[in-house]
Amino acid sequence: MNSKLFLSLIILLTALAMGCVYESAEETFVIEKGTYQYYEFEILEYDIVDISADTGNVPINIYVLDSTNFNRYESLRTFDTMDIRVDTIKTQLSFEAPHDGKYYVVFESIDSDARIDVSYEIY
């Protein structure tokens, strides 16, 4: 019995040390020219979000923003990003939350409608 308990404890500690995905999703959506769509994440300090995006052939902009800068983005004011991809067709990005709170990943289509395949994981 003790060896089974010990083995279970080691497996649990290994899983915790490696980080476990606690949220993930895949989605395809269309963004009309001149508009944007976003994901909102309520995450904890040090959580990591990994995102993959592929438009096939239409360049888009992607911004990673905290709540303050998302509000600035929506009100068309100058904003700061945690990460940015300009005129990207296919990308992977990752960010770590510097503190607890809401974070936004904004997908913006400038020149034409864009069909986007997105997947993400949070751990």
Protein backbone atom coordinates (compact mmCIF):
# COMPACT_ATOMS: atom_id res chain seq x y z
CA MET A 1 0.00 0.00 0.00
CA ASN A 2 2.71 2.51 0.87
CA SER A 3 4.40 2.05 -2.52
CA LYS A 4 1.11 2.78 -4.35
CA LEU A 5 0.55 5.92 -2.29
CA PHE A 6 4.13 7.03 -2.90
CA LEU A 7 3.81 6.41 -6.66
CA SER A 8 0.52 8.36 -6.78
CA LEU A 9 2.13 11.25 -4.94
CA ILE A 10 5.07 11.32 -7.38
CA ILE A 11 2.72 11.33 -10.38
CA LEU A 12 0.67 14.16 -8.87
CA LEU A 13 3.74 16.26 -8.07
CA THR A 14 5.18 15.68 -11.54
CA ALA A 15 1.93 16.82 -13.16
CA LEU A 16 1.86 19.95 -10.99
CA ALA A 17 5.50 20.75 -11.70
CA MET A 18 5.05 20.36 -15.47
CA GLY A 19 1.95 22.52 -15.55
CA CYS A 20 -1.47 21.27 -16.49
CA VAL A 21 -3.73 22.69 -19.14
CA TYR A 22 -6.88 23.86 -17.38
CA GLU A 23 -8.62 25.46 -20.33
CA SER A 24 -8.37 24.96 -24.07
CA ALA A 25 -10.47 25.54 -27.16
CA GLU A 26 -10.44 25.56 -30.95
CA GLU A 27 -12.63 27.79 -33.06
CA THR A 28 -13.02 29.18 -36.56
CA PHE A 29 -14.64 32.57 -37.08
CA VAL A 30 -14.82 35.35 -39.67
CA ILE A 31 -13.87 38.95 -39.00
CA GLU A 32 -15.30 41.45 -41.43
CA LYS A 33 -13.02 44.08 -42.94
CA GLY A 34 -12.38 46.94 -40.53
CA THR A 35 -13.66 45.09 -37.45
CA TYR A 36 -12.22 42.97 -34.67
CA GLN A 37 -13.04 40.06 -32.43
CA TYR A 38 -11.43 39.18 -29.12
CA TYR A 39 -10.97 36.53 -26.48
CA GLU A 40 -11.25 37.56 -22.85
CA PHE A 41 -9.35 35.53 -20.25
CA GLU A 42 -9.73 35.85 -16.49
CA ILE A 43 -6.44 34.38 -15.33
CA LEU A 44 -4.11 34.32 -12.36
CA GLU A 45 -0.61 35.67 -11.99
CA TYR A 46 1.94 33.42 -13.77
CA ASP A 47 -0.73 31.61 -15.82
CA ILE A 48 0.45 31.09 -19.38
CA VAL A 49 -1.73 31.41 -22.47
CA ASP A 50 -0.55 29.79 -25.72
CA ILE A 51 -2.40 30.78 -28.90
CA SER A 52 -2.17 29.62 -32.51
CA ALA A 53 -3.89 31.57 -35.28
CA ASP A 54 -4.04 30.90 -39.02
CA THR A 55 -5.92 32.99 -41.60
CA GLY A 56 -4.85 31.01 -44.62
CA ASN A 57 -3.85 34.06 -46.65
CA VAL A 58 -5.36 37.26 -45.19
CA PRO A 59 -3.06 39.38 -43.01
CA ILE A 60 -4.48 40.47 -39.66
CA ASN A 61 -3.22 42.25 -36.55
CA ILE A 62 -3.21 40.51 -33.16
CA TYR A 63 -2.82 42.35 -29.85
CA VAL A 64 -2.45 40.99 -26.32
CA LEU A 65 -3.81 43.57 -23.87
CA ASP A 66 -4.61 43.97 -20.20
CA SER A 67 -7.96 45.50 -19.17
CA THR A 68 -6.72 49.09 -19.12
CA ASN A 69 -5.22 48.91 -22.58
CA PHE A 70 -8.18 47.00 -24.01
CA ASN A 71 -10.44 49.86 -22.86
CA ARG A 72 -8.05 52.31 -24.53
CA TYR A 73 -8.08 50.22 -27.73
CA GLU A 74 -11.89 50.19 -27.81
CA SER A 75 -12.08 53.95 -27.28
CA LEU A 76 -9.56 54.52 -30.10
CA ARG A 77 -6.87 55.92 -27.78
CA THR A 78 -3.18 55.07 -27.69
CA PHE A 79 -2.59 51.71 -26.02
CA ASP A 80 0.30 49.48 -24.99
CA THR A 81 0.47 45.78 -25.83
CA MET A 82 1.96 42.81 -24.03
CA ASP A 83 2.52 41.25 -27.46
CA ILE A 84 1.68 42.28 -31.00
CA ARG A 85 1.66 40.64 -34.43
CA VAL A 86 1.13 42.98 -37.39
CA ASP A 87 0.11 41.76 -40.85
CA THR A 88 0.37 38.14 -39.76
CA ILE A 89 -1.13 35.20 -41.60
CA LYS A 90 -0.04 32.37 -39.31
CA THR A 91 1.44 32.75 -35.86
CA GLN A 92 1.90 31.27 -32.44
CA LEU A 93 2.21 33.45 -29.40
CA SER A 94 2.51 32.91 -25.69
CA PHE A 95 2.17 35.26 -22.77
CA GLU A 96 2.44 34.97 -19.00
CA ALA A 97 0.10 36.99 -16.79
CA PRO A 98 2.13 39.45 -14.69
CA HIS A 99 -0.76 39.68 -12.19
CA ASP A 100 -4.29 38.35 -11.63
CA GLY A 101 -6.87 39.90 -13.92
CA LYS A 102 -8.54 40.04 -17.30
CA TYR A 103 -6.49 39.84 -20.45
CA TYR A 104 -7.61 40.18 -24.05
CA VAL A 105 -6.35 38.80 -27.33
CA VAL A 106 -7.69 40.98 -30.13
CA PHE A 107 -7.87 39.83 -33.76
CA GLU A 108 -8.22 42.79 -36.12
CA SER A 109 -8.88 42.65 -39.85
CA ILE A 110 -7.89 45.76 -41.76
CA ASP A 111 -7.98 45.15 -45.53
CA SER A 112 -10.53 42.38 -46.12
CA ASP A 113 -12.71 39.78 -44.43
CA ALA A 114 -10.60 37.16 -42.66
CA ARG A 115 -11.47 33.57 -41.79
CA ILE A 116 -9.39 32.65 -38.74
CA ASP A 117 -8.65 29.26 -37.19
CA VAL A 118 -7.68 29.77 -33.55
CA SER A 119 -6.70 27.41 -30.78
CA TYR A 120 -5.51 28.21 -27.27
CA GLU A 121 -4.41 26.57 -24.07
CA ILE A 122 -4.12 28.06 -20.60
CA TYR A 123 -1.93 26.46 -17.98
